[in-house]
Amino acid sequence: MMKKYLKPLMTGFFSLGSLVSYSQVEMADNFRGEGKIYIVIGVILIILAGFFVLLFRLDKRTKQLEKEVREK
């Protein structure tokens, strides 16, 4: 029964994906033309840096808690 809906669902998904990617390229061209692309890239890099710092701190805390549990 699932196979019946899988093909139309995947076709719609990929069609929507191609439409979104085209509009994003057009938007990136507009940002590049206005000189705002550097602001967008800077914001993305700041968000990614914060995400990696968060992951690093969580990993450190997890290792510390695992160490405490092993000692008990």
N, C-alpha and C. Protein backbone atom coordinates (compact mmCIF):
# COMPACT_ATOMS: atom_id res chain seq x y z
N MET A 1 0.82 -1.19 0.00
CA MET A 1 0.00 0.00 0.00
C MET A 1 0.87 1.26 0.00
N MET A 2 2.00 1.21 0.69
CA MET A 2 2.89 2.36 0.77
C MET A 2 3.52 2.67 -0.59
N LYS A 3 3.80 1.64 -1.37
CA LYS A 3 4.42 1.85 -2.68
C LYS A 3 3.51 2.66 -3.60
N LYS A 4 2.22 2.55 -3.38
CA LYS A 4 1.25 3.27 -4.20
C LYS A 4 1.41 4.78 -4.07
N TYR A 5 1.75 5.24 -2.87
CA TYR A 5 1.87 6.67 -2.60
C TYR A 5 3.31 7.18 -2.67
N LEU A 6 4.26 6.28 -2.69
CA LEU A 6 5.65 6.67 -2.63
C LEU A 6 6.11 7.45 -3.87
N LYS A 7 5.77 6.98 -5.05
CA LYS A 7 6.23 7.64 -6.28
C LYS A 7 5.69 9.07 -6.41
N PRO A 8 4.38 9.31 -6.24
CA PRO A 8 3.90 10.70 -6.33
C PRO A 8 4.46 11.59 -5.22
N LEU A 9 4.63 11.02 -4.05
CA LEU A 9 5.18 11.78 -2.94
C LEU A 9 6.62 12.20 -3.22
N MET A 10 7.44 11.29 -3.71
CA MET A 10 8.83 11.61 -4.02
C MET A 10 8.92 12.59 -5.19
N THR A 11 8.05 12.44 -6.19
CA THR A 11 8.04 13.38 -7.31
C THR A 11 7.72 14.79 -6.83
N GLY A 12 6.72 14.91 -5.98
CA GLY A 12 6.37 16.21 -5.43
C GLY A 12 7.48 16.79 -4.58
N PHE A 13 8.11 15.94 -3.78
CA PHE A 13 9.20 16.38 -2.91
C PHE A 13 10.36 16.94 -3.72
N PHE A 14 10.78 16.21 -4.76
CA PHE A 14 11.91 16.67 -5.56
C PHE A 14 11.55 17.89 -6.41
N SER A 15 10.31 17.98 -6.85
CA SER A 15 9.89 19.17 -7.60
C SER A 15 9.92 20.41 -6.71
N LEU A 16 9.43 20.26 -5.50
CA LEU A 16 9.46 21.36 -4.54
C LEU A 16 10.91 21.73 -4.20
N GLY A 17 11.78 20.73 -4.05
CA GLY A 17 13.19 20.98 -3.75
C GLY A 17 13.88 21.76 -4.84
N SER A 18 13.59 21.43 -6.09
CA SER A 18 14.23 22.15 -7.19
C SER A 18 13.73 23.59 -7.27
N LEU A 19 12.46 23.80 -6.97
CA LEU A 19 11.89 25.14 -6.97
C LEU A 19 12.52 25.99 -5.87
N VAL A 20 12.67 25.42 -4.69
CA VAL A 20 13.26 26.14 -3.57
C VAL A 20 14.73 26.46 -3.85
N SER A 21 15.47 25.50 -4.41
CA SER A 21 16.88 25.75 -4.69
C SER A 21 17.05 26.85 -5.74
N TYR A 22 16.18 26.90 -6.74
CA TYR A 22 16.26 27.95 -7.75
C TYR A 22 16.02 29.32 -7.12
N SER A 23 15.02 29.41 -6.24
CA SER A 23 14.73 30.70 -5.62
C SER A 23 15.85 31.12 -4.68
N GLN A 24 16.51 30.15 -4.06
CA GLN A 24 17.62 30.49 -3.18
C GLN A 24 18.81 31.02 -3.97
N VAL A 25 19.06 30.47 -5.14
CA VAL A 25 20.16 30.96 -5.98
C VAL A 25 19.86 32.39 -6.41
N GLU A 26 18.62 32.65 -6.77
CA GLU A 26 18.22 33.99 -7.18
C GLU A 26 18.37 34.96 -6.01
N MET A 27 17.99 34.52 -4.81
CA MET A 27 18.12 35.36 -3.62
C MET A 27 19.60 35.62 -3.32
N ALA A 28 20.45 34.61 -3.47
CA ALA A 28 21.88 34.78 -3.23
C ALA A 28 22.47 35.78 -4.23
N ASP A 29 22.01 35.73 -5.47
CA ASP A 29 22.49 36.68 -6.47
C ASP A 29 22.11 38.11 -6.09
N ASN A 30 20.89 38.28 -5.57
CA ASN A 30 20.46 39.62 -5.13
C ASN A 30 21.32 40.10 -3.97
N PHE A 31 21.57 39.22 -2.99
CA PHE A 31 22.42 39.60 -1.85
C PHE A 31 23.83 39.94 -2.31
N ARG A 32 24.35 39.15 -3.24
CA ARG A 32 25.70 39.40 -3.73
C ARG A 32 25.76 40.74 -4.46
N GLY A 33 24.73 41.04 -5.23
CA GLY A 33 24.69 42.29 -5.98
C GLY A 33 24.60 43.50 -5.07
N GLU A 34 23.92 43.36 -3.93
CA GLU A 34 23.77 44.48 -2.99
C GLU A 34 24.88 44.51 -1.94
N GLY A 35 25.76 43.52 -1.96
CA GLY A 35 26.87 43.48 -1.00
C GLY A 35 26.46 42.95 0.37
N LYS A 36 25.28 42.37 0.48
CA LYS A 36 24.80 41.86 1.76
C LYS A 36 25.17 40.40 2.00
N ILE A 37 25.78 39.76 1.01
CA ILE A 37 26.11 38.34 1.13
C ILE A 37 27.09 38.11 2.27
N TYR A 38 27.96 39.09 2.52
CA TYR A 38 28.95 38.93 3.59
C TYR A 38 28.28 38.95 4.96
N ILE A 39 27.21 39.70 5.09
CA ILE A 39 26.46 39.72 6.34
C ILE A 39 25.78 38.37 6.55
N VAL A 40 25.20 37.82 5.50
CA VAL A 40 24.54 36.52 5.59
C VAL A 40 25.54 35.44 5.96
N ILE A 41 26.68 35.44 5.31
CA ILE A 41 27.72 34.44 5.60
C ILE A 41 28.22 34.61 7.03
N GLY A 42 28.40 35.85 7.47
CA GLY A 42 28.85 36.10 8.84
C GLY A 42 27.87 35.57 9.87
N VAL A 43 26.59 35.80 9.65
CA VAL A 43 25.57 35.32 10.59
C VAL A 43 25.55 33.79 10.62
N ILE A 44 25.65 33.16 9.46
CA ILE A 44 25.68 31.70 9.40
C ILE A 44 26.90 31.16 10.13
N LEU A 45 28.06 31.78 9.95
CA LEU A 45 29.26 31.32 10.64
C LEU A 45 29.15 31.50 12.15
N ILE A 46 28.55 32.58 12.60
CA ILE A 46 28.36 32.80 14.04
C ILE A 46 27.44 31.73 14.62
N ILE A 47 26.36 31.43 13.92
CA ILE A 47 25.43 30.39 14.38
C ILE A 47 26.12 29.03 14.43
N LEU A 48 26.88 28.70 13.40
CA LEU A 48 27.60 27.42 13.39
C LEU A 48 28.65 27.34 14.50
N ALA A 49 29.36 28.44 14.73
CA ALA A 49 30.36 28.46 15.80
C ALA A 49 29.69 28.23 17.15
N GLY A 50 28.56 28.90 17.38
CA GLY A 50 27.83 28.69 18.63
C GLY A 50 27.35 27.27 18.78
N PHE A 51 26.90 26.68 17.69
CA PHE A 51 26.44 25.29 17.72
C PHE A 51 27.59 24.35 18.08
N PHE A 52 28.76 24.55 17.49
CA PHE A 52 29.91 23.69 17.78
C PHE A 52 30.41 23.88 19.21
N VAL A 53 30.38 25.10 19.72
CA VAL A 53 30.76 25.34 21.11
C VAL A 53 29.80 24.62 22.04
N LEU A 54 28.52 24.70 21.75
CA LEU A 54 27.51 24.00 22.55
C LEU A 54 27.75 22.50 22.55
N LEU A 55 28.01 21.93 21.38
CA LEU A 55 28.27 20.50 21.29
C LEU A 55 29.53 20.11 22.06
N PHE A 56 30.57 20.93 21.97
CA PHE A 56 31.80 20.64 22.68
C PHE A 56 31.57 20.64 24.19
N ARG A 57 30.83 21.65 24.69
CA ARG A 57 30.56 21.74 26.13
C ARG A 57 29.69 20.58 26.60
N LEU A 58 28.70 20.20 25.80
CA LEU A 58 27.85 19.06 26.17
C LEU A 58 28.65 17.77 26.21
N ASP A 59 29.56 17.60 25.26
CA ASP A 59 30.41 16.41 25.25
C ASP A 59 31.29 16.38 26.48
N LYS A 60 31.84 17.51 26.84
CA LYS A 60 32.71 17.60 28.02
C LYS A 60 31.93 17.25 29.29
N ARG A 61 30.71 17.79 29.42
CA ARG A 61 29.87 17.49 30.59
C ARG A 61 29.49 16.03 30.63
N THR A 62 29.17 15.47 29.47
CA THR A 62 28.79 14.06 29.41
C THR A 62 29.94 13.16 29.84
N LYS A 63 31.14 13.45 29.37
CA LYS A 63 32.30 12.66 29.78
C LYS A 63 32.53 12.77 31.28
N GLN A 64 32.34 13.96 31.83
CA GLN A 64 32.53 14.17 33.26
C GLN A 64 31.49 13.36 34.06
N LEU A 65 30.24 13.36 33.62
CA LEU A 65 29.20 12.59 34.30
C LEU A 65 29.45 11.10 34.18
N GLU A 66 29.91 10.64 33.02
CA GLU A 66 30.22 9.22 32.85
C GLU A 66 31.35 8.81 33.78
N LYS A 67 32.32 9.67 33.94
CA LYS A 67 33.45 9.40 34.83
C LYS A 67 32.96 9.28 36.28
N GLU A 68 32.05 10.18 36.69
CA GLU A 68 31.50 10.12 38.05
C GLU A 68 30.71 8.86 38.28
N VAL A 69 29.95 8.43 37.29
CA VAL A 69 29.15 7.21 37.42
C VAL A 69 30.03 5.99 37.54
N ARG A 70 31.12 5.92 36.78
CA ARG A 70 32.05 4.79 36.84
C ARG A 70 32.75 4.69 38.18
N GLU A 71 33.01 5.84 38.81
CA GLU A 71 33.71 5.86 40.09
C GLU A 71 32.83 5.32 41.22
N LYS A 72 31.52 5.43 41.09
CA LYS A 72 30.61 4.99 42.15
C LYS A 72 30.38 3.54 42.14
